[in-house]
PDB file of all heavy atoms in Angstrom:
ATOM      1  N   ALA A   1     110.234  75.332 -28.410  1.00  0.00           N
ATOM      2  CA  ALA A   1     111.352  75.928 -29.157  1.00  0.00           C
ATOM      3  C   ALA A   1     110.896  77.236 -29.756  1.00  0.00           C
ATOM      4  O   ALA A   1     109.701  77.408 -30.055  1.00  0.00           O
ATOM      5  CB  ALA A   1     111.853  74.987 -30.254  1.00  0.00           C
ATOM      6  N   ALA A   2     111.846  78.141 -29.922  1.00  0.00           N
ATOM      7  CA  ALA A   2     111.527  79.415 -30.550  1.00  0.00           C
ATOM      8  C   ALA A   2     112.694  79.842 -31.398  1.00  0.00           C
ATOM      9  O   ALA A   2     113.849  79.482 -31.110  1.00  0.00           O
ATOM     10  CB  ALA A   2     111.212  80.461 -29.492  1.00  0.00           C
ATOM     11  N   ILE A   3     112.401  80.608 -32.433  1.00  0.00           N
ATOM     12  CA  ILE A   3     113.465  81.050 -33.338  1.00  0.00           C
ATOM     13  C   ILE A   3     113.233  82.515 -33.691  1.00  0.00           C
ATOM     14  O   ILE A   3     112.113  82.935 -34.007  1.00  0.00           O
ATOM     15  CB  ILE A   3     113.516  80.160 -34.601  1.00  0.00           C
ATOM     16  CG1 ILE A   3     114.683  80.546 -35.516  1.00  0.00           C
ATOM     17  CG2 ILE A   3     112.191  80.158 -35.351  1.00  0.00           C
ATOM     18  CD1 ILE A   3     114.982  79.519 -36.588  1.00  0.00           C
ATOM     19  N   ALA A   4     114.301  83.285 -33.621  1.00  0.00           N
ATOM     20  CA  ALA A   4     114.233  84.699 -33.922  1.00  0.00           C
ATOM     21  C   ALA A   4     114.367  84.937 -35.431  1.00  0.00           C
ATOM     22  O   ALA A   4     114.721  84.006 -36.181  1.00  0.00           O
ATOM     23  CB  ALA A   4     115.333  85.446 -33.185  1.00  0.00           C
ATOM     24  N   SER A   5     114.103  86.148 -35.839  1.00  0.00           N
ATOM     25  CA  SER A   5     114.144  86.467 -37.258  1.00  0.00           C
ATOM     26  C   SER A   5     115.531  86.298 -37.869  1.00  0.00           C
ATOM     27  O   SER A   5     115.682  85.984 -39.047  1.00  0.00           O
ATOM     28  CB  SER A   5     113.664  87.917 -37.496  1.00  0.00           C
ATOM     29  OG  SER A   5     114.457  88.812 -36.744  1.00  0.00           O
ATOM     30  N   VAL A   6     116.556  86.425 -37.020  1.00  0.00           N
ATOM     31  CA  VAL A   6     117.932  86.264 -37.518  1.00  0.00           C
ATOM     32  C   VAL A   6     118.371  84.813 -37.491  1.00  0.00           C
ATOM     33  O   VAL A   6     119.462  84.496 -37.927  1.00  0.00           O
ATOM     34  CB  VAL A   6     118.914  87.125 -36.693  1.00  0.00           C
ATOM     35  CG1 VAL A   6     118.588  88.605 -36.884  1.00  0.00           C
ATOM     36  CG2 VAL A   6     118.888  86.737 -35.230  1.00  0.00           C
ATOM     37  N   GLY A   7     117.506  83.941 -36.963  1.00  0.00           N
ATOM     38  CA  GLY A   7     117.807  82.507 -37.010  1.00  0.00           C
ATOM     39  C   GLY A   7     118.257  81.894 -35.702  1.00  0.00           C
ATOM     40  O   GLY A   7     118.406  80.664 -35.617  1.00  0.00           O
ATOM     41  N   SER A   8     118.511  82.698 -34.697  1.00  0.00           N
ATOM     42  CA  SER A   8     118.931  82.111 -33.416  1.00  0.00           C
ATOM     43  C   SER A   8     117.748  81.399 -32.757  1.00  0.00           C
ATOM     44  O   SER A   8     116.613  81.901 -32.797  1.00  0.00           O
ATOM     45  CB  SER A   8     119.477  83.193 -32.492  1.00  0.00           C
ATOM     46  OG  SER A   8     118.525  84.228 -32.323  1.00  0.00           O
ATOM     47  N   ALA A   9     118.014  80.263 -32.180  1.00  0.00           N
ATOM     48  CA  ALA A   9     116.951  79.414 -31.616  1.00  0.00           C
ATOM     49  C   ALA A   9     117.252  79.031 -30.191  1.00  0.00           C
ATOM     50  O   ALA A   9     118.412  78.968 -29.781  1.00  0.00           O
ATOM     51  CB  ALA A   9     116.766  78.186 -32.476  1.00  0.00           C
ATOM     52  N   ASN A  10     116.208  78.740 -29.462  1.00  0.00           N
ATOM     53  CA  ASN A  10     116.378  78.174 -28.134  1.00  0.00           C
ATOM     54  C   ASN A  10     115.344  77.069 -27.945  1.00  0.00           C
ATOM     55  O   ASN A  10     114.295  77.075 -28.574  1.00  0.00           O
ATOM     56  CB  ASN A  10     116.256  79.218 -27.020  1.00  0.00           C
ATOM     57  CG  ASN A  10     114.901  79.886 -26.972  1.00  0.00           C
ATOM     58  OD1 ASN A  10     114.561  80.706 -27.801  1.00  0.00           O
ATOM     59  ND2 ASN A  10     114.108  79.516 -25.985  1.00  0.00           N
ATOM     60  N   TYR A  11     115.697  76.110 -27.092  1.00  0.00           N
ATOM     61  CA  TYR A  11     114.902  74.907 -26.906  1.00  0.00           C
ATOM     62  C   TYR A  11     114.676  74.612 -25.438  1.00  0.00           C
ATOM     63  O   TYR A  11     115.516  74.934 -24.602  1.00  0.00           O
ATOM     64  CB  TYR A  11     115.625  73.712 -27.530  1.00  0.00           C
ATOM     65  CG  TYR A  11     115.856  73.821 -29.018  1.00  0.00           C
ATOM     66  CD1 TYR A  11     117.012  74.413 -29.532  1.00  0.00           C
ATOM     67  CD2 TYR A  11     114.909  73.316 -29.924  1.00  0.00           C
ATOM     68  CE1 TYR A  11     117.200  74.513 -30.888  1.00  0.00           C
ATOM     69  CE2 TYR A  11     115.103  73.381 -31.270  1.00  0.00           C
ATOM     70  CZ  TYR A  11     116.261  73.999 -31.767  1.00  0.00           C
ATOM     71  OH  TYR A  11     116.469  74.074 -33.127  1.00  0.00           O
ATOM     72  N   ALA A  12     113.580  73.946 -25.174  1.00  0.00           N
ATOM     73  CA  ALA A  12     113.390  73.388 -23.837  1.00  0.00           C
ATOM     74  C   ALA A  12     114.428  72.296 -23.626  1.00  0.00           C
ATOM     75  O   ALA A  12     114.810  71.597 -24.558  1.00  0.00           O
ATOM     76  CB  ALA A  12     111.987  72.813 -23.735  1.00  0.00           C
ATOM     77  N   ASN A  13     114.887  72.164 -22.380  1.00  0.00           N
ATOM     78  CA  ASN A  13     115.877  71.158 -22.081  1.00  0.00           C
ATOM     79  C   ASN A  13     115.433  69.767 -22.498  1.00  0.00           C
ATOM     80  O   ASN A  13     116.225  68.947 -22.943  1.00  0.00           O
ATOM     81  CB  ASN A  13     116.206  71.174 -20.582  1.00  0.00           C
ATOM     82  CG  ASN A  13     116.964  72.412 -20.162  1.00  0.00           C
ATOM     83  OD1 ASN A  13     117.610  73.052 -20.984  1.00  0.00           O
ATOM     84  ND2 ASN A  13     116.889  72.759 -18.899  1.00  0.00           N
ATOM     85  N   SER A  14     114.142  69.502 -22.351  1.00  0.00           N
ATOM     86  CA  SER A  14     113.613  68.169 -22.604  1.00  0.00           C
ATOM     87  C   SER A  14     113.656  67.776 -24.090  1.00  0.00           C
ATOM     88  O   SER A  14     113.561  66.576 -24.400  1.00  0.00           O
ATOM     89  CB  SER A  14     112.190  68.073 -22.100  1.00  0.00           C
ATOM     90  OG  SER A  14     111.367  69.033 -22.728  1.00  0.00           O
ATOM     91  N   VAL A  15     113.813  68.737 -24.976  1.00  0.00           N
ATOM     92  CA  VAL A  15     113.811  68.414 -26.415  1.00  0.00           C
ATOM     93  C   VAL A  15     115.142  68.735 -27.080  1.00  0.00           C
ATOM     94  O   VAL A  15     115.333  68.406 -28.260  1.00  0.00           O
ATOM     95  CB  VAL A  15     112.675  69.150 -27.150  1.00  0.00           C
ATOM     96  CG1 VAL A  15     111.348  68.886 -26.478  1.00  0.00           C
ATOM     97  CG2 VAL A  15     112.933  70.635 -27.270  1.00  0.00           C
ATOM     98  N   GLU A  16     116.033  69.362 -26.346  1.00  0.00           N
ATOM     99  CA  GLU A  16     117.339  69.738 -26.901  1.00  0.00           C
ATOM    100  C   GLU A  16     118.028  68.510 -27.486  1.00  0.00           C
ATOM    101  O   GLU A  16     118.092  67.455 -26.858  1.00  0.00           O
ATOM    102  CB  GLU A  16     118.199  70.344 -25.797  1.00  0.00           C
ATOM    103  CG  GLU A  16     119.554  70.855 -26.268  1.00  0.00           C
ATOM    104  CD  GLU A  16     119.491  72.282 -26.790  1.00  0.00           C
ATOM    105  OE1 GLU A  16     118.938  73.131 -26.085  1.00  0.00           O
ATOM    106  OE2 GLU A  16     120.017  72.529 -27.904  1.00  0.00           O
ATOM    107  N   GLY A  17     118.493  68.644 -28.730  1.00  0.00           N
ATOM    108  CA  GLY A  17     119.173  67.536 -29.388  1.00  0.00           C
ATOM    109  C   GLY A  17     118.255  66.609 -30.150  1.00  0.00           C
ATOM    110  O   GLY A  17     118.714  65.792 -30.956  1.00  0.00           O
ATOM    111  N   ARG A  18     116.952  66.681 -29.902  1.00  0.00           N
ATOM    112  CA  ARG A  18     115.992  65.824 -30.608  1.00  0.00           C
ATOM    113  C   ARG A  18     115.103  66.627 -31.564  1.00  0.00           C
ATOM    114  O   ARG A  18     114.716  66.121 -32.614  1.00  0.00           O
ATOM    115  CB  ARG A  18     115.076  65.084 -29.620  1.00  0.00           C
ATOM    116  CG  ARG A  18     115.824  64.178 -28.668  1.00  0.00           C
ATOM    117  CD  ARG A  18     114.852  63.332 -27.833  1.00  0.00           C
ATOM    118  NE  ARG A  18     114.009  64.169 -26.971  1.00  0.00           N
ATOM    119  CZ  ARG A  18     112.667  64.170 -27.002  1.00  0.00           C
ATOM    120  NH1 ARG A  18     112.036  63.385 -27.854  1.00  0.00           N
ATOM    121  NH2 ARG A  18     111.991  64.955 -26.191  1.00  0.00           N
ATOM    122  N   PHE A  19     114.808  67.845 -31.207  1.00  0.00           N
ATOM    123  CA  PHE A  19     113.919  68.689 -31.998  1.00  0.00           C
ATOM    124  C   PHE A  19     114.734  69.791 -32.639  1.00  0.00           C
ATOM    125  O   PHE A  19     115.706  70.280 -32.061  1.00  0.00           O
ATOM    126  CB  PHE A  19     112.842  69.327 -31.133  1.00  0.00           C
ATOM    127  CG  PHE A  19     111.798  68.382 -30.595  1.00  0.00           C
ATOM    128  CD1 PHE A  19     111.926  67.004 -30.678  1.00  0.00           C
ATOM    129  CD2 PHE A  19     110.668  68.887 -29.966  1.00  0.00           C
ATOM    130  CE1 PHE A  19     110.978  66.149 -30.176  1.00  0.00           C
ATOM    131  CE2 PHE A  19     109.690  68.057 -29.465  1.00  0.00           C
ATOM    132  CZ  PHE A  19     109.840  66.687 -29.555  1.00  0.00           C
ATOM    133  N   THR A  20     114.314  70.201 -33.822  1.00  0.00           N
ATOM    134  CA  THR A  20     114.955  71.319 -34.521  1.00  0.00           C
ATOM    135  C   THR A  20     113.877  72.255 -35.070  1.00  0.00           C
ATOM    136  O   THR A  20     112.965  71.810 -35.754  1.00  0.00           O
ATOM    137  CB  THR A  20     115.818  70.817 -35.682  1.00  0.00           C
ATOM    138  OG1 THR A  20     116.811  69.921 -35.192  1.00  0.00           O
ATOM    139  CG2 THR A  20     116.521  71.995 -36.353  1.00  0.00           C
ATOM    140  N   ILE A  21     114.002  73.508 -34.745  1.00  0.00           N
ATOM    141  CA  ILE A  21     113.065  74.519 -35.241  1.00  0.00           C
ATOM    142  C   ILE A  21     113.737  75.264 -36.400  1.00  0.00           C
ATOM    143  O   ILE A  21     114.950  75.507 -36.399  1.00  0.00           O
ATOM    144  CB  ILE A  21     112.636  75.491 -34.114  1.00  0.00           C
ATOM    145  CG1 ILE A  21     111.468  76.362 -34.588  1.00  0.00           C
ATOM    146  CG2 ILE A  21     113.811  76.331 -33.614  1.00  0.00           C
ATOM    147  CD1 ILE A  21     110.811  77.169 -33.452  1.00  0.00           C
ATOM    148  N   ALA A  22     112.921  75.602 -37.381  1.00  0.00           N
ATOM    149  CA  ALA A  22     113.420  76.368 -38.524  1.00  0.00           C
ATOM    150  C   ALA A  22     112.281  77.249 -39.025  1.00  0.00           C
ATOM    151  O   ALA A  22     111.117  77.005 -38.720  1.00  0.00           O
ATOM    152  CB  ALA A  22     113.872  75.413 -39.631  1.00  0.00           C
ATOM    153  N   ARG A  23     112.649  78.267 -39.779  1.00  0.00           N
ATOM    154  CA  ARG A  23     111.633  79.158 -40.322  1.00  0.00           C
ATOM    155  C   ARG A  23     111.985  79.532 -41.748  1.00  0.00           C
ATOM    156  O   ARG A  23     113.163  79.596 -42.124  1.00  0.00           O
ATOM    157  CB  ARG A  23     111.467  80.413 -39.453  1.00  0.00           C
ATOM    158  CG  ARG A  23     112.713  81.280 -39.334  1.00  0.00           C
ATOM    159  CD  ARG A  23     112.521  82.384 -38.311  1.00  0.00           C
ATOM    160  NE  ARG A  23     111.679  83.471 -38.778  1.00  0.00           N
ATOM    161  CZ  ARG A  23     111.235  84.483 -38.006  1.00  0.00           C
ATOM    162  NH1 ARG A  23     111.557  84.501 -36.721  1.00  0.00           N
ATOM    163  NH2 ARG A  23     110.485  85.445 -38.512  1.00  0.00           N
ATOM    164  N   ASP A  24     110.941  79.813 -42.521  1.00  0.00           N
ATOM    165  CA  ASP A  24     111.083  80.295 -43.877  1.00  0.00           C
ATOM    166  C   ASP A  24     110.407  81.662 -43.908  1.00  0.00           C
ATOM    167  O   ASP A  24     109.173  81.751 -43.925  1.00  0.00           O
ATOM    168  CB  ASP A  24     110.426  79.339 -44.875  1.00  0.00           C
ATOM    169  CG  ASP A  24     110.631  79.741 -46.311  1.00  0.00           C
ATOM    170  OD1 ASP A  24     110.779  80.944 -46.596  1.00  0.00           O
ATOM    171  OD2 ASP A  24     110.632  78.850 -47.175  1.00  0.00           O
ATOM    172  N   ASN A  25     111.175  82.690 -43.863  1.00  0.00           N
ATOM    173  CA  ASN A  25     110.605  84.046 -43.763  1.00  0.00           C
ATOM    174  C   ASN A  25     109.847  84.417 -45.017  1.00  0.00           C
ATOM    175  O   ASN A  25     108.859  85.182 -44.921  1.00  0.00           O
ATOM    176  CB  ASN A  25     111.712  85.052 -43.501  1.00  0.00           C
ATOM    177  CG  ASN A  25     112.326  84.894 -42.124  1.00  0.00           C
ATOM    178  OD1 ASN A  25     111.656  84.493 -41.180  1.00  0.00           O
ATOM    179  ND2 ASN A  25     113.609  85.195 -41.977  1.00  0.00           N
ATOM    180  N   ALA A  26     110.237  83.916 -46.158  1.00  0.00           N
ATOM    181  CA  ALA A  26     109.528  84.237 -47.398  1.00  0.00           C
ATOM    182  C   ALA A  26     108.123  83.653 -47.398  1.00  0.00           C
ATOM    183  O   ALA A  26     107.206  84.184 -48.016  1.00  0.00           O
ATOM    184  CB  ALA A  26     110.318  83.729 -48.595  1.00  0.00           C
ATOM    185  N   LYS A  27     107.957  82.526 -46.695  1.00  0.00           N
ATOM    186  CA  LYS A  27     106.669  81.846 -46.632  1.00  0.00           C
ATOM    187  C   LYS A  27     105.945  82.083 -45.322  1.00  0.00           C
ATOM    188  O   LYS A  27     104.848  81.539 -45.105  1.00  0.00           O
ATOM    189  CB  LYS A  27     106.857  80.340 -46.842  1.00  0.00           C
ATOM    190  CG  LYS A  27     107.396  79.964 -48.212  1.00  0.00           C
ATOM    191  CD  LYS A  27     107.543  78.458 -48.332  1.00  0.00           C
ATOM    192  CE  LYS A  27     108.051  78.059 -49.707  1.00  0.00           C
ATOM    193  NZ  LYS A  27     108.229  76.597 -49.831  1.00  0.00           N
ATOM    194  N   ASN A  28     106.532  82.871 -44.429  1.00  0.00           N
ATOM    195  CA  ASN A  28     105.949  83.112 -43.117  1.00  0.00           C
ATOM    196  C   ASN A  28     105.593  81.805 -42.413  1.00  0.00           C
ATOM    197  O   ASN A  28     104.496  81.659 -41.831  1.00  0.00           O
ATOM    198  CB  ASN A  28     104.715  84.020 -43.231  1.00  0.00           C
ATOM    199  CG  ASN A  28     105.040  85.390 -43.772  1.00  0.00           C
ATOM    200  OD1 ASN A  28     106.035  85.998 -43.383  1.00  0.00           O
ATOM    201  ND2 ASN A  28     104.255  85.849 -44.710  1.00  0.00           N
ATOM    202  N   THR A  29     106.491  80.874 -42.478  1.00  0.00           N
ATOM    203  CA  THR A  29     106.217  79.522 -41.982  1.00  0.00           C
ATOM    204  C   THR A  29     107.314  79.099 -41.006  1.00  0.00           C
ATOM    205  O   THR A  29     108.483  79.372 -41.245  1.00  0.00           O
ATOM    206  CB  THR A  29     106.132  78.541 -43.144  1.00  0.00           C
ATOM    207  OG1 THR A  29     105.071  78.908 -43.998  1.00  0.00           O
ATOM    208  CG2 THR A  29     105.897  77.114 -42.640  1.00  0.00           C
ATOM    209  N   VAL A  30     106.884  78.414 -39.972  1.00  0.00           N
ATOM    210  CA  VAL A  30     107.823  77.850 -38.994  1.00  0.00           C
ATOM    211  C   VAL A  30     107.626  76.348 -38.956  1.00  0.00           C
ATOM    212  O   VAL A  30     106.515  75.828 -39.113  1.00  0.00           O
ATOM    213  CB  VAL A  30     107.626  78.465 -37.585  1.00  0.00           C
ATOM    214  CG1 VAL A  30     106.233  78.223 -37.033  1.00  0.00           C
ATOM    215  CG2 VAL A  30     108.699  77.988 -36.625  1.00  0.00           C
ATOM    216  N   TYR A  31     108.738  75.643 -38.784  1.00  0.00           N
ATOM    217  CA  TYR A  31     108.732  74.176 -38.787  1.00  0.00           C
ATOM    218  C   TYR A  31     109.285  73.671 -37.474  1.00  0.00           C
ATOM    219  O   TYR A  31     110.097  74.336 -36.827  1.00  0.00           O
ATOM    220  CB  TYR A  31     109.576  73.639 -39.928  1.00  0.00           C
ATOM    221  CG  TYR A  31     109.201  74.167 -41.292  1.00  0.00           C
ATOM    222  CD1 TYR A  31     109.849  75.261 -41.821  1.00  0.00           C
ATOM    223  CD2 TYR A  31     108.190  73.567 -42.034  1.00  0.00           C
ATOM    224  CE1 TYR A  31     109.506  75.768 -43.070  1.00  0.00           C
ATOM    225  CE2 TYR A  31     107.824  74.069 -43.277  1.00  0.00           C
ATOM    226  CZ  TYR A  31     108.500  75.167 -43.806  1.00  0.00           C
ATOM    227  OH  TYR A  31     108.146  75.648 -45.034  1.00  0.00           O
TER     228      TYR A  31
END
């Protein structure tokens, strides 16, 4: 999975619907 600075995300087909990516720009952290 990947997430852009504006928040748009894309996922591998195999994890779509099960995994969620998120980011906290203030903390420079991705989850």
